[in-house]
Amino acid sequence: MDSFLRSEGAADLSCEHEHSARERMISRDEADWPIVATSLLLRRPVWTQDRDFFRSGIPTWTSETVEHYFRTL
């Protein structure tokens, strides 16, 4: 994922959401802003166990919620 986020195309795409992403992560781990920007850009949740994303306004899925989802199909 890191190499994708450092690629030129991904950087261009996520830059439009950089300010919002940094604001959401400022009291958490601001280094995670590219993941938040990508989530905002794609309008998709983040699959993570990292609690820094919780309460950031970004929808998150944990491994437990993904597992539960697939069990209920």
PDB file of N, CA and C in Angstrom:
ATOM      1  N   MET A   1       0.823  -1.186   0.000  1.00  0.00           N
ATOM      2  CA  MET A   1       0.000   0.000   0.000  1.00  0.00           C
ATOM      3  C   MET A   1       0.867   1.250   0.000  1.00  0.00           C
ATOM      4  N   ASP A   2       1.923   1.269   0.788  1.00  0.00           N
ATOM      5  CA  ASP A   2       2.789   2.448   0.844  1.00  0.00           C
ATOM      6  C   ASP A   2       3.364   2.794  -0.522  1.00  0.00           C
ATOM      7  N   SER A   3       3.798   1.778  -1.275  1.00  0.00           N
ATOM      8  CA  SER A   3       4.376   2.064  -2.587  1.00  0.00           C
ATOM      9  C   SER A   3       3.310   2.619  -3.530  1.00  0.00           C
ATOM     10  N   PHE A   4       2.086   2.144  -3.414  1.00  0.00           N
ATOM     11  CA  PHE A   4       1.001   2.697  -4.228  1.00  0.00           C
ATOM     12  C   PHE A   4       0.761   4.162  -3.872  1.00  0.00           C
ATOM     13  N   LEU A   5       0.722   4.458  -2.577  1.00  0.00           N
ATOM     14  CA  LEU A   5       0.449   5.832  -2.146  1.00  0.00           C
ATOM     15  C   LEU A   5       1.564   6.786  -2.537  1.00  0.00           C
ATOM     16  N   ARG A   6       2.780   6.264  -2.688  1.00  0.00           N
ATOM     17  CA  ARG A   6       3.896   7.122  -3.091  1.00  0.00           C
ATOM     18  C   ARG A   6       3.976   7.282  -4.610  1.00  0.00           C
ATOM     19  N   SER A   7       3.191   6.523  -5.347  1.00  0.00           N
ATOM     20  CA  SER A   7       3.243   6.634  -6.801  1.00  0.00           C
ATOM     21  C   SER A   7       2.663   7.973  -7.243  1.00  0.00           C
ATOM     22  N   GLU A   8       3.135   8.452  -8.366  1.00  0.00           N
ATOM     23  CA  GLU A   8       2.749   9.781  -8.845  1.00  0.00           C
ATOM     24  C   GLU A   8       1.243   9.915  -9.048  1.00  0.00           C
ATOM     25  N   GLY A   9       0.624   8.931  -9.653  1.00  0.00           N
ATOM     26  CA  GLY A   9      -0.815   8.986  -9.911  1.00  0.00           C
ATOM     27  C   GLY A   9      -1.635   9.041  -8.635  1.00  0.00           C
ATOM     28  N   ALA A  10      -1.286   8.209  -7.675  1.00  0.00           N
ATOM     29  CA  ALA A  10      -2.019   8.188  -6.415  1.00  0.00           C
ATOM     30  C   ALA A  10      -1.827   9.496  -5.670  1.00  0.00           C
ATOM     31  N   ALA A  11      -0.624  10.036  -5.720  1.00  0.00           N
ATOM     32  CA  ALA A  11      -0.354  11.301  -5.043  1.00  0.00           C
ATOM     33  C   ALA A  11      -1.216  12.406  -5.632  1.00  0.00           C
ATOM     34  N   ASP A  12      -1.323  12.458  -6.950  1.00  0.00           N
ATOM     35  CA  ASP A  12      -2.151  13.473  -7.594  1.00  0.00           C
ATOM     36  C   ASP A  12      -3.613  13.327  -7.190  1.00  0.00           C
ATOM     37  N   LEU A  13      -4.096  12.100  -7.163  1.00  0.00           N
ATOM     38  CA  LEU A  13      -5.488  11.864  -6.834  1.00  0.00           C
ATOM     39  C   LEU A  13      -5.814  12.192  -5.386  1.00  0.00           C
ATOM     40  N   SER A  14      -4.940  11.810  -4.465  1.00  0.00           N
ATOM     41  CA  SER A  14      -5.242  12.017  -3.051  1.00  0.00           C
ATOM     42  C   SER A  14      -4.985  13.444  -2.590  1.00  0.00           C
ATOM     43  N   CYS A  15      -4.224  14.229  -3.358  1.00  0.00           N
ATOM     44  CA  CYS A  15      -3.907  15.597  -2.951  1.00  0.00           C
ATOM     45  C   CYS A  15      -5.147  16.466  -2.813  1.00  0.00           C
ATOM     46  N   GLU A  16      -6.167  16.199  -3.624  1.00  0.00           N
ATOM     47  CA  GLU A  16      -7.375  17.009  -3.528  1.00  0.00           C
ATOM     48  C   GLU A  16      -8.074  16.818  -2.187  1.00  0.00           C
ATOM     49  N   HIS A  17      -7.774  15.737  -1.471  1.00  0.00           N
ATOM     50  CA  HIS A  17      -8.369  15.472  -0.165  1.00  0.00           C
ATOM     51  C   HIS A  17      -7.349  15.594   0.972  1.00  0.00           C
ATOM     52  N   GLU A  18      -6.153  16.070   0.661  1.00  0.00           N
ATOM     53  CA  GLU A  18      -5.094  16.114   1.670  1.00  0.00           C
ATOM     54  C   GLU A  18      -5.472  16.952   2.887  1.00  0.00           C
ATOM     55  N   HIS A  19      -5.966  18.156   2.672  1.00  0.00           N
ATOM     56  CA  HIS A  19      -6.272  19.039   3.802  1.00  0.00           C
ATOM     57  C   HIS A  19      -7.304  18.393   4.737  1.00  0.00           C
ATOM     58  N   SER A  20      -8.385  17.899   4.167  1.00  0.00           N
ATOM     59  CA  SER A  20      -9.428  17.263   4.970  1.00  0.00           C
ATOM     60  C   SER A  20      -8.881  16.037   5.705  1.00  0.00           C
ATOM     61  N   ALA A  21      -8.078  15.248   5.009  1.00  0.00           N
ATOM     62  CA  ALA A  21      -7.512  14.042   5.611  1.00  0.00           C
ATOM     63  C   ALA A  21      -6.574  14.390   6.766  1.00  0.00           C
ATOM     64  N   ARG A  22      -5.735  15.378   6.569  1.00  0.00           N
ATOM     65  CA  ARG A  22      -4.826  15.794   7.650  1.00  0.00           C
ATOM     66  C   ARG A  22      -5.609  16.320   8.852  1.00  0.00           C
ATOM     67  N   GLU A  23      -6.662  17.080   8.593  1.00  0.00           N
ATOM     68  CA  GLU A  23      -7.494  17.603   9.680  1.00  0.00           C
ATOM     69  C   GLU A  23      -8.124  16.472  10.482  1.00  0.00           C
ATOM     70  N   ARG A  24      -8.584  15.457   9.798  1.00  0.00           N
ATOM     71  CA  ARG A  24      -9.215  14.324  10.482  1.00  0.00           C
ATOM     72  C   ARG A  24      -8.229  13.547  11.344  1.00  0.00           C
ATOM     73  N   MET A  25      -6.963  13.546  10.949  1.00  0.00           N
ATOM     74  CA  MET A  25      -5.969  12.740  11.656  1.00  0.00           C
ATOM     75  C   MET A  25      -5.065  13.549  12.570  1.00  0.00           C
ATOM     76  N   ILE A  26      -5.289  14.839  12.691  1.00  0.00           N
ATOM     77  CA  ILE A  26      -4.355  15.705  13.415  1.00  0.00           C
ATOM     78  C   ILE A  26      -4.146  15.296  14.873  1.00  0.00           C
ATOM     79  N   SER A  27      -5.164  14.819  15.543  1.00  0.00           N
ATOM     80  CA  SER A  27      -4.991  14.418  16.943  1.00  0.00           C
ATOM     81  C   SER A  27      -4.687  12.931  17.077  1.00  0.00           C
ATOM     82  N   ARG A  28      -4.461  12.283  15.945  1.00  0.00           N
ATOM     83  CA  ARG A  28      -4.167  10.857  15.940  1.00  0.00           C
ATOM     84  C   ARG A  28      -2.767  10.650  15.354  1.00  0.00           C
ATOM     85  N   ASP A  29      -2.667   9.875  14.289  1.00  0.00           N
ATOM     86  CA  ASP A  29      -1.387   9.661  13.615  1.00  0.00           C
ATOM     87  C   ASP A  29      -1.468  10.336  12.256  1.00  0.00           C
ATOM     88  N   GLU A  30      -0.970  11.554  12.178  1.00  0.00           N
ATOM     89  CA  GLU A  30      -1.100  12.343  10.949  1.00  0.00           C
ATOM     90  C   GLU A  30      -0.408  11.687   9.759  1.00  0.00           C
ATOM     91  N   ALA A  31       0.523  10.795  10.016  1.00  0.00           N
ATOM     92  CA  ALA A  31       1.205  10.090   8.924  1.00  0.00           C
ATOM     93  C   ALA A  31       0.243   9.187   8.144  1.00  0.00           C
ATOM     94  N   ASP A  32      -0.927   8.916   8.709  1.00  0.00           N
ATOM     95  CA  ASP A  32      -1.928   8.084   8.040  1.00  0.00           C
ATOM     96  C   ASP A  32      -2.812   8.876   7.082  1.00  0.00           C
ATOM     97  N   TRP A  33      -2.546  10.163   6.914  1.00  0.00           N
ATOM     98  CA  TRP A  33      -3.426  10.981   6.079  1.00  0.00           C
ATOM     99  C   TRP A  33      -3.586  10.464   4.647  1.00  0.00           C
ATOM    100  N   PRO A  34      -2.550   9.874   3.993  1.00  0.00           N
ATOM    101  CA  PRO A  34      -2.766   9.400   2.618  1.00  0.00           C
ATOM    102  C   PRO A  34      -3.830   8.293   2.527  1.00  0.00           C
ATOM    103  N   ILE A  35      -3.923   7.475   3.544  1.00  0.00           N
ATOM    104  CA  ILE A  35      -4.930   6.416   3.550  1.00  0.00           C
ATOM    105  C   ILE A  35      -6.315   7.041   3.689  1.00  0.00           C
ATOM    106  N   VAL A  36      -6.428   8.034   4.553  1.00  0.00           N
ATOM    107  CA  VAL A  36      -7.702   8.735   4.729  1.00  0.00           C
ATOM    108  C   VAL A  36      -8.084   9.465   3.447  1.00  0.00           C
ATOM    109  N   ALA A  37      -7.131  10.120   2.807  1.00  0.00           N
ATOM    110  CA  ALA A  37      -7.405  10.836   1.555  1.00  0.00           C
ATOM    111  C   ALA A  37      -7.885   9.869   0.476  1.00  0.00           C
ATOM    112  N   THR A  38      -7.280   8.709   0.412  1.00  0.00           N
ATOM    113  CA  THR A  38      -7.691   7.710  -0.574  1.00  0.00           C
ATOM    114  C   THR A  38      -9.099   7.206  -0.267  1.00  0.00           C
ATOM    115  N   SER A  39      -9.398   7.004   1.000  1.00  0.00           N
ATOM    116  CA  SER A  39     -10.741   6.592   1.400  1.00  0.00           C
ATOM    117  C   SER A  39     -11.770   7.649   1.012  1.00  0.00           C
ATOM    118  N   LEU A  40     -11.445   8.909   1.234  1.00  0.00           N
ATOM    119  CA  LEU A  40     -12.344   9.998   0.854  1.00  0.00           C
ATOM    120  C   LEU A  40     -12.525  10.057  -0.659  1.00  0.00           C
ATOM    121  N   LEU A  41     -11.433   9.912  -1.372  1.00  0.00           N
ATOM    122  CA  LEU A  41     -11.470   9.969  -2.833  1.00  0.00           C
ATOM    123  C   LEU A  41     -12.345   8.860  -3.415  1.00  0.00           C
ATOM    124  N   LEU A  42     -12.130   7.645  -2.927  1.00  0.00           N
ATOM    125  CA  LEU A  42     -12.841   6.486  -3.458  1.00  0.00           C
ATOM    126  C   LEU A  42     -14.206   6.264  -2.808  1.00  0.00           C
ATOM    127  N   ARG A  43     -14.453   7.020  -1.725  1.00  0.00           N
ATOM    128  CA  ARG A  43     -15.705   6.868  -0.962  1.00  0.00           C
ATOM    129  C   ARG A  43     -15.884   5.425  -0.504  1.00  0.00           C
ATOM    130  N   ARG A  44     -14.817   4.909   0.064  1.00  0.00           N
ATOM    131  CA  ARG A  44     -14.800   3.532   0.550  1.00  0.00           C
ATOM    132  C   ARG A  44     -14.245   3.498   1.969  1.00  0.00           C
ATOM    133  N   PRO A  45     -14.656   2.500   2.759  1.00  0.00           N
ATOM    134  CA  PRO A  45     -14.131   2.383   4.124  1.00  0.00           C
ATOM    135  C   PRO A  45     -12.691   1.880   4.135  1.00  0.00           C
ATOM    136  N   VAL A  46     -12.092   1.975   5.292  1.00  0.00           N
ATOM    137  CA  VAL A  46     -10.732   1.479   5.516  1.00  0.00           C
ATOM    138  C   VAL A  46     -10.840   0.200   6.345  1.00  0.00           C
ATOM    139  N   TRP A  47     -10.164  -0.858   5.885  1.00  0.00           N
ATOM    140  CA  TRP A  47     -10.089  -2.104   6.649  1.00  0.00           C
ATOM    141  C   TRP A  47      -8.835  -2.004   7.492  1.00  0.00           C
ATOM    142  N   THR A  48      -9.013  -1.904   8.801  1.00  0.00           N
ATOM    143  CA  THR A  48      -7.878  -1.647   9.676  1.00  0.00           C
ATOM    144  C   THR A  48      -8.130  -2.146  11.089  1.00  0.00           C
ATOM    145  N   GLN A  49      -7.063  -2.404  11.786  1.00  0.00           N
ATOM    146  CA  GLN A  49      -7.097  -2.677  13.216  1.00  0.00           C
ATOM    147  C   GLN A  49      -6.525  -1.464  13.966  1.00  0.00           C
ATOM    148  N   ASP A  50      -6.068  -0.485  13.233  1.00  0.00           N
ATOM    149  CA  ASP A  50      -5.429   0.701  13.801  1.00  0.00           C
ATOM    150  C   ASP A  50      -6.494   1.624  14.395  1.00  0.00           C
ATOM    151  N   ARG A  51      -6.472   1.781  15.699  1.00  0.00           N
ATOM    152  CA  ARG A  51      -7.488   2.577  16.394  1.00  0.00           C
ATOM    153  C   ARG A  51      -7.393   4.067  16.069  1.00  0.00           C
ATOM    154  N   ASP A  52      -6.317   4.496  15.436  1.00  0.00           N
ATOM    155  CA  ASP A  52      -6.195   5.910  15.052  1.00  0.00           C
ATOM    156  C   ASP A  52      -7.286   6.330  14.067  1.00  0.00           C
ATOM    157  N   PHE A  53      -7.826   5.390  13.330  1.00  0.00           N
ATOM    158  CA  PHE A  53      -8.856   5.717  12.348  1.00  0.00           C
ATOM    159  C   PHE A  53     -10.243   5.841  12.969  1.00  0.00           C
ATOM    160  N   PHE A  54     -10.442   5.223  14.127  1.00  0.00           N
ATOM    161  CA  PHE A  54     -11.743   5.266  14.773  1.00  0.00           C
ATOM    162  C   PHE A  54     -12.018   6.695  15.237  1.00  0.00           C
ATOM    163  N   ARG A  55     -13.237   7.139  15.061  1.00  0.00           N
ATOM    164  CA  ARG A  55     -13.686   8.500  15.390  1.00  0.00           C
ATOM    165  C   ARG A  55     -13.054   9.566  14.501  1.00  0.00           C
ATOM    166  N   SER A  56     -12.581   9.183  13.342  1.00  0.00           N
ATOM    167  CA  SER A  56     -12.024  10.160  12.408  1.00  0.00           C
ATOM    168  C   SER A  56     -13.066  10.589  11.378  1.00  0.00           C
ATOM    169  N   GLY A  57     -14.225   9.955  11.425  1.00  0.00           N
ATOM    170  CA  GLY A  57     -15.256  10.239  10.446  1.00  0.00           C
ATOM    171  C   GLY A  57     -15.130   9.391   9.191  1.00  0.00           C
ATOM    172  N   ILE A  58     -14.140   8.516   9.167  1.00  0.00           N
ATOM    173  CA  ILE A  58     -13.934   7.604   8.048  1.00  0.00           C
ATOM    174  C   ILE A  58     -14.544   6.256   8.431  1.00  0.00           C
ATOM    175  N   PRO A  59     -15.414   5.702   7.579  1.00  0.00           N
ATOM    176  CA  PRO A  59     -15.943   4.373   7.895  1.00  0.00           C
ATOM    177  C   PRO A  59     -14.802   3.349   7.950  1.00  0.00           C
ATOM    178  N   THR A  60     -14.834   2.504   8.943  1.00  0.00           N
ATOM    179  CA  THR A  60     -13.792   1.488   9.098  1.00  0.00           C
ATOM    180  C   THR A  60     -14.422   0.107   9.243  1.00  0.00           C
ATOM    181  N   TRP A  61     -13.687  -0.872   8.773  1.00  0.00           N
ATOM    182  CA  TRP A  61     -14.014  -2.273   8.984  1.00  0.00           C
ATOM    183  C   TRP A  61     -12.825  -2.897   9.685  1.00  0.00           C
ATOM    184  N   THR A  62     -13.103  -3.689  10.694  1.00  0.00           N
ATOM    185  CA  THR A  62     -12.043  -4.468  11.331  1.00  0.00           C
ATOM    186  C   THR A  62     -12.108  -5.882  10.766  1.00  0.00           C
ATOM    187  N   SER A  63     -11.119  -6.675  11.040  1.00  0.00           N
ATOM    188  CA  SER A  63     -11.140  -8.064  10.577  1.00  0.00           C
ATOM    189  C   SER A  63     -12.367  -8.790  11.128  1.00  0.00           C
ATOM    190  N   GLU A  64     -12.756  -8.458  12.359  1.00  0.00           N
ATOM    191  CA  GLU A  64     -13.926  -9.093  12.962  1.00  0.00           C
ATOM    192  C   GLU A  64     -15.210  -8.723  12.222  1.00  0.00           C
ATOM    193  N   THR A  65     -15.358  -7.462  11.823  1.00  0.00           N
ATOM    194  CA  THR A  65     -16.578  -7.079  11.110  1.00  0.00           C
ATOM    195  C   THR A  65     -16.612  -7.670   9.706  1.00  0.00           C
ATOM    196  N   VAL A  66     -15.466  -7.784   9.064  1.00  0.00           N
ATOM    197  CA  VAL A  66     -15.415  -8.413   7.746  1.00  0.00           C
ATOM    198  C   VAL A  66     -15.795  -9.894   7.863  1.00  0.00           C
ATOM    199  N   GLU A  67     -15.236 -10.553   8.862  1.00  0.00           N
ATOM    200  CA  GLU A  67     -15.552 -11.965   9.078  1.00  0.00           C
ATOM    201  C   GLU A  67     -17.049 -12.139   9.353  1.00  0.00           C
ATOM    202  N   HIS A  68     -17.612 -11.299  10.187  1.00  0.00           N
ATOM    203  CA  HIS A  68     -19.045 -11.365  10.504  1.00  0.00           C
ATOM    204  C   HIS A  68     -19.881 -11.138   9.236  1.00  0.00           C
ATOM    205  N   TYR A  69     -19.494 -10.182   8.433  1.00  0.00           N
ATOM    206  CA  TYR A  69     -20.200  -9.898   7.187  1.00  0.00           C
ATOM    207  C   TYR A  69     -20.262 -11.129   6.288  1.00  0.00           C
ATOM    208  N   PHE A  70     -19.134 -11.792   6.097  1.00  0.00           N
ATOM    209  CA  PHE A  70     -19.104 -12.953   5.229  1.00  0.00           C
ATOM    210  C   PHE A  70     -19.845 -14.150   5.802  1.00  0.00           C
ATOM    211  N   ARG A  71     -19.932 -14.240   7.098  1.00  0.00           N
ATOM    212  CA  ARG A  71     -20.703 -15.325   7.717  1.00  0.00           C
ATOM    213  C   ARG A  71     -22.196 -15.140   7.504  1.00  0.00           C
ATOM    214  N   THR A  72     -22.641 -13.914   7.354  1.00  0.00           N
ATOM    215  CA  THR A  72     -24.073 -13.645   7.238  1.00  0.00           C
ATOM    216  C   THR A  72     -24.572 -13.672   5.796  1.00  0.00           C
ATOM    217  N   LEU A  73     -23.687 -13.891   4.830  1.00  0.00           N
ATOM    218  CA  LEU A  73     -24.119 -13.944   3.429  1.00  0.00           C
ATOM    219  C   LEU A  73     -24.905 -15.203   3.130  1.00  0.00           C
TER     220      LEU A  73
END
